[in-house]
Structure formats: structure tokens, C-alpha cells
Amino acid sequence: MSQLNRIHAQTLKKGIEYSKTLIEELLRIPDIPYAHKLFNQSPYPTVFLYNKLIKAYSSQNQPRQCLSLYSQMLLKDCPPNELTFTFLFPACASFYSLLHGKLIHTHFIKSGFDFDVYALTALVDMYAKLGVLIWARQVFDEMTVRDIPTWNSLIAGYSRSGDMEGALKLFKLMPSRSVVSWTTMISGYSQNGMYTKALQMFLKMEKDKEV
């Protein structure tokens, strides 16, 4: 931490571009509260800088801080970008707040970022984890481009709700699968007490590897 303190002091003393130095240190610093302290002293925090801090808090499962930073962005007239929402949707899921998730979803659409597959996948995952599968499926169905994690998120949602039939239907529709796709199905069967089907799916996965 002493090195970071020296950089901080040099930044203030020499008047070099604060945000640039701060961003570089935020990428490495393990002490998020201290990084947040430096962030608060930046006169003009950029969306990139906000995203780094929101991502850091999200990775530490501190959704309140993520949502607080998002509110601060709006108050300071710093428009979010698609990456911001990619980090915010998981925070809403961790916070178990459908209200926050819906509000941020609305802002996401109004901001014009509802084309980004990564943000949309995070949105599908958020609704699935909050147990609102009808909305997760609606977002999924409206996506023009889906990647494997998008499919996996919805399959996991069906599995958590106990709808293994729905999960299997989706699994069979996948254009391609990853190991996570298979293990999500296997775990889903196991967690729902369907051990024979879990074993059958495992054997299918092993056979699929050989093809």
C-alpha cells in the first residue's frame, strides 16, 4: 500500500492526469475501500473509472456499493455504457432486488444498449436468479444474437426452479454446447433428486466428447 500512497502523493503534487493513474492502480489494488477513497478525490471520474470500481465491488459481492455508484453516475451526469449494465445486473441478482433490476433494465433499454450480447446475457441471468423466468425467457427470445453463456443462464434458471423438462428442451435446442452446458444439466437433475437422469446425462456427455 505504501507504493500506492507514493503514487497518490506524486499525482497531487505534480498535477499529472489523475484519472489515468487512478485507473491503472484500480486494476491492481486489492484494497477496494482505499481505491474508492482515491476515486472520490477524482474531479471528473469517467465511465471507465466507474465501471472498474463497480466491477470490483461486484466481484466482492457488495451489490449495495454497485447500486450506489450507479446512482452517483446518474447524479453526476456521467452516462453509463453497455459494460456498466453487464456489472450492474449481477449486482441486482446478488441483492435479490427485482425492483432495482427492473429499474436498471428500463434505463438499459432507454440508453440504447439492448443490442449487446454480454449485457443481455447478464440480464437473462439476473431475471433467472431472481426467479422471474417469464421475463428471463422474454429477454432471451427477443435477442437476435445469443452465445453459449446466454443459453446456459436460462437453462440454469429452469433447473433452479425445478423445471427440468423446460431445461432439457432448451438444452436440445442449443446450436452448440460447452462443458458448462452439460454440467448445468447434470447438476440440475441431481439437485432435483433425479439421479438416474443425472447419470444418463453424464454418460451422454462422455460419449459426446468422443465424437
Foldseek 3Di string as FASTA:
>chain_A
DVVVVVVLVCCVVVVPQLQVVLLVVLVPDPDLVVSVVSVVPHPDHALSNLLSSLQSCLVVLNLVVLVVSVVVCVVVVHDHALSSLLSNLSSCLSVLHPPVLVVVVVVCVVVPPLQDQSSLLSNLLSCLSNLNLVVSVVSVVPHPDYDQSSLLSSLLSCLVVVNLVVSVVSLVPDPDYDVSSLVSSLVSCVVNVNNVVSVVSVVVVVVVVVD
